[in-house]
Structure formats: structure tokens, C-alpha cells
Amino acid sequence: MHNEIGSYDAKTKLPEILRRVEAGESFTITNRGKPIADLIPSDVNKQKKSAIAIRNLLNTKKKPVSDNDLCELKALGRK
């Protein structure tokens, strides 16, 4: 979501705006209606979240099953 906010409001509401940016929103800060700057979420947070997700996926990876184990499981299922 993208929002416009005046420079005075940006200054007075900075903590609230930063919380919203952290949650994924972005803002264009204006001065007398003229766009001056864009405030967007940092890519560093995305990279950290991606690295954590990849690590979690790798940690949940199951132990590989050997051919012998598969043969035993098949044999058990046929009884």
C-alpha cells in the first residue's frame, strides 16, 4: 500500500509511520504537495526473513530413506 503524507505530519507522526513501513506500507513525503522523498521498507528485513525461511525449510528436511529401507517397508506392507 502506498500513501502520501506531508512533511509536517511525517515529522510529528514518525514513530507511527515507521511501524507501518515495517509492516510493509510505503509513503511519499511531500512538501506543499510536491513529492520530496519515498519511505519504503528496507530490503535488509526481506533478506533476513528469506534467510530464516530457508534455514527453517532446510531444518525440516527429512532423513533420506535408503533402498534397503524402502524394500523392507514394501515387504511389511504386503503381509
C-alpha atoms as a PDB file:
ATOM      1  CA  MET A   1       0.000   0.000   0.000  1.00  0.00           C
ATOM      2  CA  HIS A   2       1.313   3.474  -0.912  1.00  0.00           C
ATOM      3  CA  ASN A   3       0.380   6.676   0.944  1.00  0.00           C
ATOM      4  CA  GLU A   4       1.199  10.375   0.641  1.00  0.00           C
ATOM      5  CA  ILE A   5       1.978  12.355   3.757  1.00  0.00           C
ATOM      6  CA  GLY A   6       3.001  15.963   4.275  1.00  0.00           C
ATOM      7  CA  SER A   7       6.414  16.726   5.761  1.00  0.00           C
ATOM      8  CA  TYR A   8       4.897  18.223   8.927  1.00  0.00           C
ATOM      9  CA  ASP A   9       2.732  15.142   9.544  1.00  0.00           C
ATOM     10  CA  ALA A  10       5.703  12.896   8.772  1.00  0.00           C
ATOM     11  CA  LYS A  11       7.746  14.712  11.402  1.00  0.00           C
ATOM     12  CA  THR A  12       5.062  14.616  14.084  1.00  0.00           C
ATOM     13  CA  LYS A  13       3.964  11.022  13.427  1.00  0.00           C
ATOM     14  CA  LEU A  14       7.341   9.448  12.628  1.00  0.00           C
ATOM     15  CA  PRO A  15       7.170   6.534  15.123  1.00  0.00           C
ATOM     16  CA  GLU A  16       3.728   5.501  13.831  1.00  0.00           C
ATOM     17  CA  ILE A  17       4.855   5.833  10.208  1.00  0.00           C
ATOM     18  CA  LEU A  18       7.953   3.717  10.873  1.00  0.00           C
ATOM     19  CA  ARG A  19       5.815   0.959  12.418  1.00  0.00           C
ATOM     20  CA  ARG A  20       3.605   0.994   9.325  1.00  0.00           C
ATOM     21  CA  VAL A  21       6.632   0.912   6.997  1.00  0.00           C
ATOM     22  CA  GLU A  22       7.983  -2.043   8.967  1.00  0.00           C
ATOM     23  CA  ALA A  23       4.630  -3.758   8.356  1.00  0.00           C
ATOM     24  CA  GLY A  24       5.080  -3.288   4.594  1.00  0.00           C
ATOM     25  CA  GLU A  25       3.481   0.057   3.750  1.00  0.00           C
ATOM     26  CA  SER A  26       5.291   2.795   1.825  1.00  0.00           C
ATOM     27  CA  PHE A  27       4.939   6.569   1.903  1.00  0.00           C
ATOM     28  CA  THR A  28       5.763   9.521  -0.314  1.00  0.00           C
ATOM     29  CA  ILE A  29       6.643  12.541   1.798  1.00  0.00           C
ATOM     30  CA  THR A  30       5.516  15.809   0.237  1.00  0.00           C
ATOM     31  CA  ASN A  31       6.316  19.468   0.837  1.00  0.00           C
ATOM     32  CA  ARG A  32       3.469  21.770  -0.206  1.00  0.00           C
ATOM     33  CA  GLY A  33       2.083  18.998  -2.387  1.00  0.00           C
ATOM     34  CA  LYS A  34       5.380  18.330  -4.189  1.00  0.00           C
ATOM     35  CA  PRO A  35       6.819  14.814  -3.748  1.00  0.00           C
ATOM     36  CA  ILE A  36      10.162  15.010  -1.939  1.00  0.00           C
ATOM     37  CA  ALA A  37      11.074  11.516  -0.728  1.00  0.00           C
ATOM     38  CA  ASP A  38       9.848   7.939  -0.652  1.00  0.00           C
ATOM     39  CA  LEU A  39       9.863   5.960   2.570  1.00  0.00           C
ATOM     40  CA  ILE A  40       9.812   2.234   1.785  1.00  0.00           C
ATOM     41  CA  PRO A  41      10.505  -0.978   3.730  1.00  0.00           C
ATOM     42  CA  SER A  42      14.170  -1.926   3.862  1.00  0.00           C
ATOM     43  CA  ASP A  43      15.409  -4.825   1.725  1.00  0.00           C
ATOM     44  CA  VAL A  44      17.547  -5.942   4.671  1.00  0.00           C
ATOM     45  CA  ASN A  45      14.431  -7.101   6.535  1.00  0.00           C
ATOM     46  CA  LYS A  46      13.283  -9.048   3.469  1.00  0.00           C
ATOM     47  CA  GLN A  47      16.693 -10.687   3.166  1.00  0.00           C
ATOM     48  CA  LYS A  48      16.702 -11.644   6.849  1.00  0.00           C
ATOM     49  CA  LYS A  49      13.188 -13.085   6.608  1.00  0.00           C
ATOM     50  CA  SER A  50      14.147 -15.033   3.478  1.00  0.00           C
ATOM     51  CA  ALA A  51      17.272 -16.429   5.127  1.00  0.00           C
ATOM     52  CA  ILE A  52      15.262 -17.514   8.183  1.00  0.00           C
ATOM     53  CA  ALA A  53      12.619 -19.161   5.982  1.00  0.00           C
ATOM     54  CA  ILE A  54      15.271 -21.046   4.001  1.00  0.00           C
ATOM     55  CA  ARG A  55      17.007 -22.180   7.191  1.00  0.00           C
ATOM     56  CA  ASN A  56      13.682 -23.391   8.625  1.00  0.00           C
ATOM     57  CA  LEU A  57      12.913 -25.330   5.442  1.00  0.00           C
ATOM     58  CA  LEU A  58      16.308 -26.980   5.491  1.00  0.00           C
ATOM     59  CA  ASN A  59      15.906 -27.887   9.165  1.00  0.00           C
ATOM     60  CA  THR A  60      12.595 -29.637   8.486  1.00  0.00           C
ATOM     61  CA  LYS A  61      14.086 -31.741   5.717  1.00  0.00           C
ATOM     62  CA  LYS A  62      13.527 -35.424   6.422  1.00  0.00           C
ATOM     63  CA  LYS A  63      16.279 -38.015   6.600  1.00  0.00           C
ATOM     64  CA  PRO A  64      16.674 -39.731   3.218  1.00  0.00           C
ATOM     65  CA  VAL A  65      15.306 -43.270   3.014  1.00  0.00           C
ATOM     66  CA  SER A  66      17.709 -45.902   1.698  1.00  0.00           C
ATOM     67  CA  ASP A  67      16.797 -48.502  -0.911  1.00  0.00           C
ATOM     68  CA  ASN A  68      17.006 -51.229   1.730  1.00  0.00           C
ATOM     69  CA  ASP A  69      14.574 -49.348   3.968  1.00  0.00           C
ATOM     70  CA  LEU A  70      12.151 -48.962   1.076  1.00  0.00           C
ATOM     71  CA  CYS A  71      12.326 -52.681   0.293  1.00  0.00           C
ATOM     72  CA  GLU A  72      11.662 -53.509   3.955  1.00  0.00           C
ATOM     73  CA  LEU A  73       8.700 -51.127   4.081  1.00  0.00           C
ATOM     74  CA  LYS A  74       7.275 -52.626   0.887  1.00  0.00           C
ATOM     75  CA  ALA A  75       7.691 -56.122   2.274  1.00  0.00           C
ATOM     76  CA  LEU A  76       5.941 -55.149   5.522  1.00  0.00           C
ATOM     77  CA  GLY A  77       3.039 -53.703   3.573  1.00  0.00           C
ATOM     78  CA  ARG A  78       2.495 -56.935   1.646  1.00  0.00           C
ATOM     79  CA  LYS A  79       1.902 -59.073   4.727  1.00  0.00           C
END
